N, C-alpha and C. Protein backbone atom coordinates (compact mmCIF):
# COMPACT_ATOMS: atom_id res chain seq x y z
N MET A 1 -32.74 -33.22 18.67
CA MET A 1 -32.13 -33.46 17.39
C MET A 1 -33.24 -33.66 16.38
N ASP A 2 -33.14 -33.02 15.26
CA ASP A 2 -34.19 -33.03 14.26
C ASP A 2 -33.86 -34.01 13.15
N THR A 3 -34.39 -35.22 13.26
CA THR A 3 -34.20 -36.20 12.19
C THR A 3 -35.55 -36.75 11.80
N HIS A 4 -35.66 -37.19 10.59
CA HIS A 4 -36.88 -37.78 10.09
C HIS A 4 -36.61 -39.26 9.89
N THR A 5 -37.54 -40.09 10.32
CA THR A 5 -37.36 -41.53 10.22
C THR A 5 -38.30 -42.10 9.18
N ILE A 6 -37.77 -42.93 8.33
CA ILE A 6 -38.55 -43.64 7.33
C ILE A 6 -38.48 -45.11 7.71
N VAL A 7 -39.60 -45.76 7.84
CA VAL A 7 -39.62 -47.15 8.23
C VAL A 7 -39.88 -48.00 6.99
N SER A 8 -38.99 -48.97 6.78
CA SER A 8 -39.20 -49.92 5.68
C SER A 8 -39.42 -51.29 6.29
N THR A 9 -39.69 -52.26 5.50
CA THR A 9 -39.93 -53.59 6.03
C THR A 9 -38.65 -54.24 6.53
N SER A 10 -37.51 -53.77 6.08
CA SER A 10 -36.27 -54.42 6.47
C SER A 10 -35.45 -53.65 7.50
N SER A 11 -35.55 -52.32 7.53
CA SER A 11 -34.71 -51.57 8.46
C SER A 11 -35.24 -50.16 8.64
N ILE A 12 -34.66 -49.47 9.60
CA ILE A 12 -34.97 -48.06 9.82
C ILE A 12 -33.88 -47.25 9.14
N ILE A 13 -34.26 -46.25 8.38
CA ILE A 13 -33.31 -45.44 7.63
C ILE A 13 -33.43 -44.00 8.13
N LEU A 14 -32.32 -43.40 8.48
CA LEU A 14 -32.32 -41.99 8.88
C LEU A 14 -32.09 -41.15 7.63
N SER A 15 -32.98 -40.22 7.39
CA SER A 15 -32.83 -39.39 6.19
C SER A 15 -31.79 -38.31 6.38
N LYS A 16 -31.50 -37.95 7.60
CA LYS A 16 -30.48 -36.94 7.88
C LYS A 16 -29.59 -37.50 8.98
N PRO A 17 -28.27 -37.68 8.74
CA PRO A 17 -27.41 -38.25 9.78
C PRO A 17 -27.29 -37.31 10.97
N PRO A 18 -27.16 -37.86 12.16
CA PRO A 18 -27.01 -37.00 13.34
C PRO A 18 -25.69 -36.24 13.30
N VAL A 19 -25.68 -35.03 13.78
CA VAL A 19 -24.47 -34.22 13.85
C VAL A 19 -23.94 -34.32 15.27
N LEU A 20 -22.71 -34.75 15.39
CA LEU A 20 -22.11 -34.97 16.70
C LEU A 20 -21.26 -33.77 17.09
N PRO A 21 -21.26 -33.40 18.36
CA PRO A 21 -20.43 -32.27 18.80
C PRO A 21 -18.96 -32.65 18.85
N ILE A 22 -18.09 -31.65 18.66
CA ILE A 22 -16.66 -31.87 18.80
C ILE A 22 -16.30 -31.49 20.23
N ARG A 23 -15.94 -32.49 21.01
CA ARG A 23 -15.54 -32.25 22.39
C ARG A 23 -14.91 -33.50 22.96
N SER A 24 -14.19 -33.33 24.06
CA SER A 24 -13.65 -34.46 24.80
C SER A 24 -14.64 -34.79 25.89
N SER A 25 -14.75 -36.06 26.18
CA SER A 25 -15.72 -36.45 27.19
C SER A 25 -15.30 -37.75 27.82
N SER A 26 -15.63 -37.91 29.08
CA SER A 26 -15.37 -39.19 29.72
C SER A 26 -16.59 -40.09 29.59
N GLN A 27 -17.71 -39.54 29.15
CA GLN A 27 -18.92 -40.30 28.90
C GLN A 27 -19.23 -40.24 27.42
N ALA A 28 -19.90 -41.22 26.90
CA ALA A 28 -20.32 -41.17 25.51
C ALA A 28 -21.40 -40.11 25.39
N CYS A 29 -21.24 -39.18 24.46
CA CYS A 29 -22.20 -38.10 24.32
C CYS A 29 -23.29 -38.44 23.31
N HIS A 30 -23.19 -39.59 22.68
CA HIS A 30 -24.19 -39.96 21.70
C HIS A 30 -24.36 -41.48 21.75
N PRO A 31 -25.60 -41.97 21.66
CA PRO A 31 -25.80 -43.42 21.78
C PRO A 31 -25.05 -44.23 20.74
N TYR A 32 -24.83 -43.69 19.52
CA TYR A 32 -24.11 -44.43 18.50
C TYR A 32 -22.65 -44.64 18.87
N LEU A 33 -22.11 -43.80 19.73
CA LEU A 33 -20.70 -43.88 20.08
C LEU A 33 -20.45 -44.55 21.42
N SER A 34 -21.49 -44.90 22.14
CA SER A 34 -21.32 -45.41 23.50
C SER A 34 -20.43 -46.65 23.56
N SER A 35 -20.50 -47.51 22.56
CA SER A 35 -19.66 -48.70 22.58
C SER A 35 -18.22 -48.41 22.18
N PHE A 36 -17.95 -47.25 21.58
CA PHE A 36 -16.60 -46.92 21.13
C PHE A 36 -15.85 -46.01 22.10
N ALA A 37 -16.57 -45.18 22.83
CA ALA A 37 -15.93 -44.17 23.66
C ALA A 37 -15.32 -44.80 24.91
N SER A 38 -14.20 -44.27 25.35
CA SER A 38 -13.61 -44.68 26.61
C SER A 38 -13.21 -43.43 27.36
N SER A 39 -12.84 -43.59 28.62
CA SER A 39 -12.58 -42.41 29.45
C SER A 39 -11.40 -41.58 28.97
N SER A 40 -10.47 -42.15 28.23
CA SER A 40 -9.30 -41.37 27.82
C SER A 40 -9.30 -41.01 26.34
N LYS A 41 -10.36 -41.33 25.62
CA LYS A 41 -10.39 -41.06 24.19
C LYS A 41 -11.11 -39.75 23.91
N THR A 42 -10.73 -39.11 22.83
CA THR A 42 -11.39 -37.90 22.37
C THR A 42 -12.39 -38.29 21.30
N LEU A 43 -13.62 -37.86 21.46
CA LEU A 43 -14.66 -38.25 20.53
C LEU A 43 -14.49 -37.62 19.17
N SER A 44 -13.63 -36.63 19.05
CA SER A 44 -13.41 -36.02 17.75
C SER A 44 -12.74 -36.99 16.78
N LEU A 45 -12.25 -38.13 17.26
CA LEU A 45 -11.64 -39.12 16.39
C LEU A 45 -12.66 -39.72 15.43
N PHE A 46 -13.96 -39.56 15.71
CA PHE A 46 -15.00 -40.14 14.88
C PHE A 46 -15.42 -39.22 13.74
N PHE A 47 -14.79 -38.07 13.60
CA PHE A 47 -15.15 -37.14 12.54
C PHE A 47 -14.27 -37.34 11.33
N SER A 48 -14.79 -36.96 10.18
CA SER A 48 -14.02 -37.05 8.96
C SER A 48 -12.97 -35.94 8.95
N PRO A 49 -11.87 -36.10 8.21
CA PRO A 49 -10.84 -35.06 8.15
C PRO A 49 -11.38 -33.72 7.67
N SER A 50 -12.32 -33.74 6.74
CA SER A 50 -12.83 -32.47 6.23
C SER A 50 -13.62 -31.71 7.30
N ARG A 51 -14.37 -32.44 8.13
CA ARG A 51 -15.09 -31.77 9.22
C ARG A 51 -14.13 -31.19 10.24
N LEU A 52 -13.09 -31.94 10.56
CA LEU A 52 -12.11 -31.43 11.52
C LEU A 52 -11.36 -30.23 10.97
N ALA A 53 -10.99 -30.29 9.70
CA ALA A 53 -10.25 -29.18 9.09
C ALA A 53 -11.11 -27.93 9.06
N SER A 54 -12.38 -28.07 8.69
CA SER A 54 -13.24 -26.88 8.63
C SER A 54 -13.53 -26.36 10.03
N ALA A 55 -13.66 -27.24 11.01
CA ALA A 55 -13.91 -26.79 12.37
C ALA A 55 -12.68 -26.09 12.94
N SER A 56 -11.49 -26.52 12.54
CA SER A 56 -10.28 -25.92 13.09
C SER A 56 -10.08 -24.49 12.61
N ARG A 57 -10.73 -24.11 11.50
CA ARG A 57 -10.63 -22.72 11.04
C ARG A 57 -11.30 -21.76 12.01
N PHE A 58 -12.27 -22.26 12.76
CA PHE A 58 -13.05 -21.39 13.62
C PHE A 58 -12.62 -21.42 15.08
N SER A 59 -11.92 -22.41 15.50
CA SER A 59 -11.55 -22.54 16.89
C SER A 59 -10.03 -22.59 17.05
N PRO A 60 -9.43 -21.54 17.66
CA PRO A 60 -7.98 -21.55 17.85
C PRO A 60 -7.53 -22.71 18.74
N VAL A 61 -8.36 -23.09 19.71
CA VAL A 61 -8.01 -24.19 20.60
C VAL A 61 -7.96 -25.49 19.80
N LEU A 62 -8.98 -25.73 18.98
CA LEU A 62 -9.02 -26.94 18.17
C LEU A 62 -7.90 -26.93 17.13
N ARG A 63 -7.61 -25.77 16.54
CA ARG A 63 -6.54 -25.67 15.55
C ARG A 63 -5.22 -26.09 16.17
N LYS A 64 -4.95 -25.63 17.39
CA LYS A 64 -3.70 -25.99 18.05
C LYS A 64 -3.68 -27.48 18.36
N LYS A 65 -4.81 -28.03 18.79
CA LYS A 65 -4.90 -29.44 19.12
C LYS A 65 -4.65 -30.31 17.90
N LEU A 66 -5.06 -29.86 16.72
CA LEU A 66 -4.96 -30.66 15.51
C LEU A 66 -3.65 -30.50 14.77
N SER A 67 -2.83 -29.52 15.14
CA SER A 67 -1.63 -29.26 14.36
C SER A 67 -0.54 -30.29 14.65
N VAL A 68 0.24 -30.58 13.63
CA VAL A 68 1.39 -31.46 13.77
C VAL A 68 2.59 -30.54 13.92
N THR A 69 3.19 -30.55 15.08
CA THR A 69 4.27 -29.62 15.35
C THR A 69 5.63 -30.25 15.05
N CYS A 70 6.60 -29.40 14.86
CA CYS A 70 7.97 -29.86 14.62
C CYS A 70 8.76 -29.71 15.91
N GLY A 71 9.36 -30.79 16.34
CA GLY A 71 10.16 -30.75 17.53
C GLY A 71 11.58 -30.31 17.21
N ALA A 72 12.43 -30.40 18.20
CA ALA A 72 13.83 -30.01 18.03
C ALA A 72 14.49 -30.87 16.96
N GLY A 73 15.21 -30.21 16.07
CA GLY A 73 15.94 -30.92 15.02
C GLY A 73 15.13 -31.21 13.77
N ILE A 74 13.85 -30.82 13.75
CA ILE A 74 13.00 -31.06 12.59
C ILE A 74 12.56 -29.72 12.02
N GLN A 75 12.68 -29.58 10.72
CA GLN A 75 12.29 -28.34 10.07
C GLN A 75 11.10 -28.62 9.15
N GLU A 76 10.06 -27.78 9.22
CA GLU A 76 8.96 -27.90 8.27
C GLU A 76 9.31 -27.08 7.04
N ILE A 77 9.25 -27.72 5.88
CA ILE A 77 9.60 -27.04 4.64
C ILE A 77 8.43 -27.11 3.67
N ASP A 78 8.52 -26.32 2.59
CA ASP A 78 7.50 -26.37 1.54
C ASP A 78 8.15 -26.73 0.21
N GLN A 79 7.33 -26.79 -0.82
CA GLN A 79 7.84 -27.24 -2.13
C GLN A 79 8.88 -26.30 -2.74
N THR A 80 8.91 -25.03 -2.32
CA THR A 80 9.93 -24.12 -2.85
C THR A 80 11.29 -24.39 -2.21
N GLN A 81 11.31 -24.88 -0.98
CA GLN A 81 12.56 -25.17 -0.27
C GLN A 81 13.07 -26.58 -0.54
N PHE A 82 12.21 -27.45 -1.04
CA PHE A 82 12.54 -28.86 -1.23
C PHE A 82 13.80 -29.10 -2.06
N PRO A 83 13.94 -28.48 -3.23
CA PRO A 83 15.15 -28.75 -4.03
C PRO A 83 16.44 -28.41 -3.28
N GLU A 84 16.45 -27.28 -2.60
CA GLU A 84 17.66 -26.83 -1.92
C GLU A 84 17.97 -27.67 -0.67
N LEU A 85 16.95 -27.91 0.16
CA LEU A 85 17.18 -28.57 1.45
C LEU A 85 17.19 -30.09 1.39
N VAL A 86 16.56 -30.67 0.38
CA VAL A 86 16.50 -32.13 0.29
C VAL A 86 17.36 -32.65 -0.87
N LEU A 87 17.09 -32.18 -2.06
CA LEU A 87 17.78 -32.72 -3.23
C LEU A 87 19.25 -32.33 -3.32
N LYS A 88 19.61 -31.17 -2.81
CA LYS A 88 21.01 -30.72 -2.86
C LYS A 88 21.76 -30.94 -1.54
N SER A 89 21.15 -31.63 -0.61
CA SER A 89 21.78 -31.87 0.69
C SER A 89 22.95 -32.84 0.56
N ASP A 90 24.01 -32.59 1.32
CA ASP A 90 25.15 -33.50 1.31
C ASP A 90 24.98 -34.62 2.34
N ARG A 91 23.88 -34.57 3.09
CA ARG A 91 23.54 -35.61 4.08
C ARG A 91 22.25 -36.31 3.66
N PRO A 92 22.04 -37.53 4.12
CA PRO A 92 20.74 -38.16 3.89
C PRO A 92 19.63 -37.33 4.55
N VAL A 93 18.46 -37.27 3.91
CA VAL A 93 17.33 -36.50 4.43
C VAL A 93 16.11 -37.41 4.52
N LEU A 94 15.54 -37.50 5.72
CA LEU A 94 14.30 -38.23 5.91
C LEU A 94 13.17 -37.22 5.79
N VAL A 95 12.29 -37.43 4.81
CA VAL A 95 11.16 -36.53 4.57
C VAL A 95 9.90 -37.20 5.10
N GLU A 96 9.19 -36.49 5.97
CA GLU A 96 7.93 -36.98 6.51
C GLU A 96 6.81 -36.12 5.94
N PHE A 97 5.89 -36.73 5.21
CA PHE A 97 4.72 -36.03 4.70
C PHE A 97 3.60 -36.20 5.73
N VAL A 98 3.05 -35.07 6.18
CA VAL A 98 2.04 -35.07 7.24
C VAL A 98 0.89 -34.13 6.88
N ALA A 99 -0.17 -34.20 7.69
CA ALA A 99 -1.29 -33.27 7.58
C ALA A 99 -1.85 -33.04 8.98
N ASN A 100 -2.38 -31.85 9.21
CA ASN A 100 -2.93 -31.51 10.52
C ASN A 100 -4.10 -32.41 10.91
N TRP A 101 -4.86 -32.87 9.95
CA TRP A 101 -6.04 -33.69 10.24
C TRP A 101 -5.71 -35.18 10.39
N CYS A 102 -4.46 -35.55 10.18
CA CYS A 102 -4.05 -36.96 10.18
C CYS A 102 -3.69 -37.44 11.59
N GLY A 103 -4.52 -38.31 12.13
CA GLY A 103 -4.28 -38.86 13.47
C GLY A 103 -2.98 -39.63 13.58
N PRO A 104 -2.69 -40.56 12.66
CA PRO A 104 -1.42 -41.28 12.73
C PRO A 104 -0.19 -40.37 12.63
N CYS A 105 -0.33 -39.23 11.92
CA CYS A 105 0.79 -38.27 11.84
C CYS A 105 1.11 -37.72 13.23
N ARG A 106 0.07 -37.37 13.97
CA ARG A 106 0.27 -36.87 15.33
C ARG A 106 0.79 -37.97 16.24
N LEU A 107 0.35 -39.19 15.97
CA LEU A 107 0.75 -40.33 16.79
C LEU A 107 2.25 -40.61 16.69
N ILE A 108 2.82 -40.53 15.49
CA ILE A 108 4.24 -40.84 15.34
C ILE A 108 5.16 -39.63 15.52
N SER A 109 4.59 -38.47 15.75
CA SER A 109 5.40 -37.26 15.90
C SER A 109 6.50 -37.41 16.95
N PRO A 110 6.23 -37.97 18.14
CA PRO A 110 7.32 -38.15 19.11
C PRO A 110 8.42 -39.09 18.61
N ALA A 111 8.05 -40.12 17.86
CA ALA A 111 9.06 -41.04 17.32
C ALA A 111 9.94 -40.34 16.28
N ILE A 112 9.35 -39.48 15.47
CA ILE A 112 10.12 -38.74 14.47
C ILE A 112 11.05 -37.74 15.17
N GLU A 113 10.58 -37.11 16.24
CA GLU A 113 11.44 -36.21 17.01
C GLU A 113 12.60 -36.99 17.62
N TRP A 114 12.34 -38.20 18.08
CA TRP A 114 13.39 -39.05 18.62
C TRP A 114 14.43 -39.35 17.54
N VAL A 115 13.97 -39.67 16.32
CA VAL A 115 14.89 -39.94 15.20
C VAL A 115 15.77 -38.72 14.93
N ALA A 116 15.16 -37.53 14.93
CA ALA A 116 15.93 -36.31 14.66
C ALA A 116 17.04 -36.11 15.69
N GLN A 117 16.77 -36.46 16.93
CA GLN A 117 17.80 -36.33 17.98
C GLN A 117 18.81 -37.48 17.93
N GLU A 118 18.31 -38.70 17.79
CA GLU A 118 19.16 -39.88 17.82
C GLU A 118 20.14 -39.95 16.63
N TYR A 119 19.67 -39.50 15.46
CA TYR A 119 20.47 -39.58 14.24
C TYR A 119 20.96 -38.21 13.76
N LYS A 120 21.01 -37.23 14.65
CA LYS A 120 21.34 -35.85 14.23
C LYS A 120 22.70 -35.72 13.56
N ASP A 121 23.64 -36.61 13.84
CA ASP A 121 24.96 -36.55 13.22
C ASP A 121 24.99 -37.20 11.83
N ARG A 122 23.96 -38.00 11.51
CA ARG A 122 23.96 -38.77 10.26
C ARG A 122 22.82 -38.44 9.32
N LEU A 123 21.82 -37.69 9.81
CA LEU A 123 20.57 -37.57 9.06
C LEU A 123 19.90 -36.22 9.34
N THR A 124 19.27 -35.65 8.31
CA THR A 124 18.44 -34.45 8.47
C THR A 124 16.99 -34.90 8.35
N VAL A 125 16.12 -34.37 9.21
CA VAL A 125 14.70 -34.73 9.18
C VAL A 125 13.88 -33.49 8.87
N VAL A 126 13.00 -33.60 7.87
CA VAL A 126 12.11 -32.48 7.52
C VAL A 126 10.67 -33.00 7.43
N LYS A 127 9.73 -32.07 7.69
CA LYS A 127 8.30 -32.37 7.54
C LYS A 127 7.74 -31.53 6.42
N ILE A 128 6.83 -32.13 5.67
CA ILE A 128 6.16 -31.42 4.59
C ILE A 128 4.66 -31.57 4.78
N ASP A 129 3.96 -30.44 4.81
CA ASP A 129 2.51 -30.45 4.95
C ASP A 129 1.87 -30.91 3.64
N HIS A 130 1.16 -32.00 3.71
CA HIS A 130 0.51 -32.60 2.55
C HIS A 130 -0.41 -31.63 1.83
N ASP A 131 -1.26 -30.92 2.57
CA ASP A 131 -2.28 -30.06 1.97
C ASP A 131 -1.70 -28.80 1.33
N ALA A 132 -0.58 -28.31 1.84
CA ALA A 132 0.00 -27.07 1.35
C ALA A 132 1.01 -27.28 0.21
N ASN A 133 1.32 -28.53 -0.11
CA ASN A 133 2.35 -28.80 -1.12
C ASN A 133 1.89 -29.85 -2.13
N PRO A 134 0.86 -29.54 -2.91
CA PRO A 134 0.30 -30.54 -3.83
C PRO A 134 1.27 -31.00 -4.92
N LYS A 135 2.17 -30.14 -5.34
CA LYS A 135 3.12 -30.54 -6.39
C LYS A 135 4.04 -31.66 -5.91
N LEU A 136 4.55 -31.53 -4.69
CA LEU A 136 5.41 -32.59 -4.15
C LEU A 136 4.63 -33.89 -3.96
N ILE A 137 3.40 -33.77 -3.52
CA ILE A 137 2.55 -34.95 -3.32
C ILE A 137 2.36 -35.67 -4.65
N GLU A 138 2.13 -34.91 -5.70
CA GLU A 138 1.96 -35.50 -7.04
C GLU A 138 3.28 -36.06 -7.57
N ASP A 139 4.36 -35.28 -7.45
CA ASP A 139 5.66 -35.71 -7.98
C ASP A 139 6.16 -37.00 -7.33
N TYR A 140 5.97 -37.12 -6.01
CA TYR A 140 6.49 -38.28 -5.29
C TYR A 140 5.41 -39.32 -4.99
N LYS A 141 4.23 -39.13 -5.57
CA LYS A 141 3.14 -40.10 -5.48
C LYS A 141 2.88 -40.54 -4.04
N VAL A 142 2.63 -39.57 -3.19
CA VAL A 142 2.33 -39.85 -1.79
C VAL A 142 0.83 -40.14 -1.69
N TYR A 143 0.50 -41.39 -1.39
CA TYR A 143 -0.90 -41.81 -1.36
C TYR A 143 -1.44 -42.00 0.05
N GLY A 144 -0.58 -42.21 1.02
CA GLY A 144 -1.02 -42.42 2.40
C GLY A 144 -0.21 -41.56 3.35
N LEU A 145 -0.79 -41.27 4.50
CA LEU A 145 -0.11 -40.45 5.50
C LEU A 145 -0.10 -41.17 6.84
N PRO A 146 0.92 -40.93 7.64
CA PRO A 146 2.16 -40.24 7.31
C PRO A 146 2.99 -41.07 6.34
N ALA A 147 3.75 -40.39 5.52
CA ALA A 147 4.63 -41.07 4.56
C ALA A 147 6.07 -40.65 4.84
N LEU A 148 6.95 -41.62 4.86
CA LEU A 148 8.38 -41.37 5.06
C LEU A 148 9.12 -41.79 3.79
N ILE A 149 10.01 -40.91 3.33
CA ILE A 149 10.88 -41.22 2.19
C ILE A 149 12.27 -40.72 2.53
N LEU A 150 13.27 -41.57 2.33
CA LEU A 150 14.66 -41.19 2.59
C LEU A 150 15.32 -40.81 1.27
N PHE A 151 16.00 -39.68 1.28
CA PHE A 151 16.74 -39.19 0.11
C PHE A 151 18.23 -39.17 0.43
N LYS A 152 19.03 -39.63 -0.56
CA LYS A 152 20.49 -39.55 -0.48
C LYS A 152 20.99 -39.05 -1.82
N ASN A 153 21.94 -38.13 -1.78
CA ASN A 153 22.54 -37.59 -3.01
C ASN A 153 21.49 -37.09 -4.00
N GLY A 154 20.43 -36.49 -3.47
CA GLY A 154 19.39 -35.91 -4.32
C GLY A 154 18.41 -36.89 -4.92
N LYS A 155 18.49 -38.15 -4.53
CA LYS A 155 17.60 -39.18 -5.09
C LYS A 155 16.92 -39.95 -3.97
N GLU A 156 15.74 -40.47 -4.31
CA GLU A 156 15.02 -41.33 -3.37
C GLU A 156 15.74 -42.66 -3.22
N VAL A 157 15.96 -43.10 -1.99
CA VAL A 157 16.60 -44.38 -1.74
C VAL A 157 15.58 -45.49 -2.04
N PRO A 158 15.98 -46.49 -2.84
CA PRO A 158 15.05 -47.58 -3.15
C PRO A 158 14.55 -48.28 -1.88
N GLU A 159 13.30 -48.65 -1.92
CA GLU A 159 12.66 -49.36 -0.79
C GLU A 159 12.59 -48.51 0.48
N SER A 160 12.72 -47.20 0.36
CA SER A 160 12.69 -46.36 1.57
C SER A 160 11.30 -45.82 1.89
N ARG A 161 10.34 -45.98 1.02
CA ARG A 161 9.00 -45.47 1.28
C ARG A 161 8.32 -46.27 2.38
N ARG A 162 7.70 -45.54 3.28
CA ARG A 162 6.97 -46.17 4.38
C ARG A 162 5.75 -45.31 4.64
N GLU A 163 4.56 -45.90 4.67
CA GLU A 163 3.33 -45.16 4.94
C GLU A 163 2.66 -45.74 6.18
N GLY A 164 2.06 -44.86 6.97
CA GLY A 164 1.33 -45.28 8.15
C GLY A 164 2.14 -45.09 9.42
N ALA A 165 1.47 -45.36 10.54
CA ALA A 165 2.09 -45.20 11.86
C ALA A 165 3.20 -46.24 12.04
N ILE A 166 4.16 -45.87 12.86
CA ILE A 166 5.33 -46.74 13.10
C ILE A 166 5.86 -46.47 14.50
N THR A 167 6.34 -47.50 15.17
CA THR A 167 6.90 -47.34 16.52
C THR A 167 8.37 -46.94 16.42
N LYS A 168 8.95 -46.54 17.54
CA LYS A 168 10.37 -46.19 17.57
C LYS A 168 11.24 -47.38 17.17
N VAL A 169 10.90 -48.55 17.70
CA VAL A 169 11.69 -49.75 17.40
C VAL A 169 11.65 -50.05 15.91
N LYS A 170 10.46 -50.02 15.31
CA LYS A 170 10.33 -50.30 13.88
C LYS A 170 10.99 -49.20 13.05
N LEU A 171 10.92 -47.97 13.53
CA LEU A 171 11.55 -46.85 12.84
C LEU A 171 13.07 -47.05 12.80
N LYS A 172 13.64 -47.50 13.91
CA LYS A 172 15.08 -47.77 13.96
C LYS A 172 15.43 -48.94 13.01
N GLU A 173 14.60 -49.99 13.02
CA GLU A 173 14.83 -51.13 12.13
C GLU A 173 14.69 -50.72 10.66
N TYR A 174 13.85 -49.74 10.40
CA TYR A 174 13.65 -49.22 9.04
C TYR A 174 14.84 -48.37 8.59
N LEU A 175 15.32 -47.49 9.48
CA LEU A 175 16.36 -46.51 9.11
C LEU A 175 17.78 -47.08 9.04
N ASP A 176 18.16 -47.91 10.00
CA ASP A 176 19.54 -48.38 10.07
C ASP A 176 20.03 -49.02 8.77
N PRO A 177 19.31 -49.96 8.18
CA PRO A 177 19.80 -50.53 6.91
C PRO A 177 19.81 -49.52 5.77
N LEU A 178 18.85 -48.61 5.76
CA LEU A 178 18.79 -47.60 4.69
C LEU A 178 19.98 -46.65 4.77
N LEU A 179 20.38 -46.28 5.97
CA LEU A 179 21.50 -45.36 6.13
C LEU A 179 22.82 -46.05 5.78
N GLU A 180 22.87 -47.36 5.92
CA GLU A 180 24.09 -48.11 5.59
C GLU A 180 24.22 -48.34 4.09
N SER A 181 23.07 -48.41 3.40
CA SER A 181 23.11 -48.69 1.95
C SER A 181 23.65 -47.47 1.20
N THR A 182 24.18 -47.72 0.03
CA THR A 182 24.74 -46.62 -0.76
C THR A 182 24.01 -46.40 -2.07
N SER A 183 23.11 -47.31 -2.43
CA SER A 183 22.44 -47.17 -3.72
C SER A 183 21.27 -46.19 -3.65
N VAL A 184 21.00 -45.55 -4.78
CA VAL A 184 19.87 -44.64 -4.91
C VAL A 184 19.16 -44.94 -6.23
N VAL A 185 17.92 -44.45 -6.35
CA VAL A 185 17.12 -44.70 -7.57
C VAL A 185 17.76 -44.03 -8.75
């Protein structure tokens, strides 16, 4: 590894940060990560989203690994379909804003699939790719991912915004009162 070291009186400064490989490993592949790595973790978790996104353009295997897929009962939509499928829906619609590079989005994907199956008679679930739909992100002020917003009668349900990872139990506790309420913004 080609790095230049500058020694000061207080610390050692690396002028060029080390570049870490993207791979899964049961051993730490770099001394800086040895205290963080475990036998079941993927070291790619230590990369920034931009590095992962650019790397996924070149590797079909990595692209598939990083994608957030839609399970049964969930439809991925874009900003052109949003008015028709969400705002004009006669059923409540749970909108999940996700991104391929978002670890928590992949983490809650099974819970969202469970919601789509469990509430299929009462609720429609859709996913929206954050990076491909900037207008929706701006219009609905989505600042964190994954983001959940429930819509009823074409309007956002008050207090329905939820950002970050969530368990099935918390998801059920979040949805049940919202589906019972009748008020909208």
